[in-house]
Amino acid sequence: MAALEQERKFGGVHLGTPIAAPAVPFLRGIEVQVLDHGYAEDYEKQNGKKSDWFTTHGDVFPIHGATMKPFGRHSGDRSFPSKNAARERPNGIITASSAPTASSA
């Protein structure tokens, strides 16, 4: 978990295509990104306000040329979860108390 604590972010591609993005060795896909709550705290300290373009609870967005229609509350192509379900444990590991779904948005 040291990488998460240092980087303050984690992303996983959950839906990908066999088509590579132009000029890069990555596949197009849809990413679910869960940021460490400290990432949002750092953003607020640096900018004097809460973010209106990311959450720390599992944002969904296209990467490397993929496309998707955002659902529920969103900013551009980035869809936000319907509720804030991520909880930080004392050891810094983030867990989800329940998984947000597109149908509940």
Foldseek 3Di string as FASTA:
>chain_A
DVCCVVVQKDKDFDAFDPDAFPPDPHTKGKMWMAGQVVVQVVVCVVPVDGDPADDRATKIAIPRPDADDEADDHDVRIHDFPDRQWDADPVRDIDGPDDGDRVND
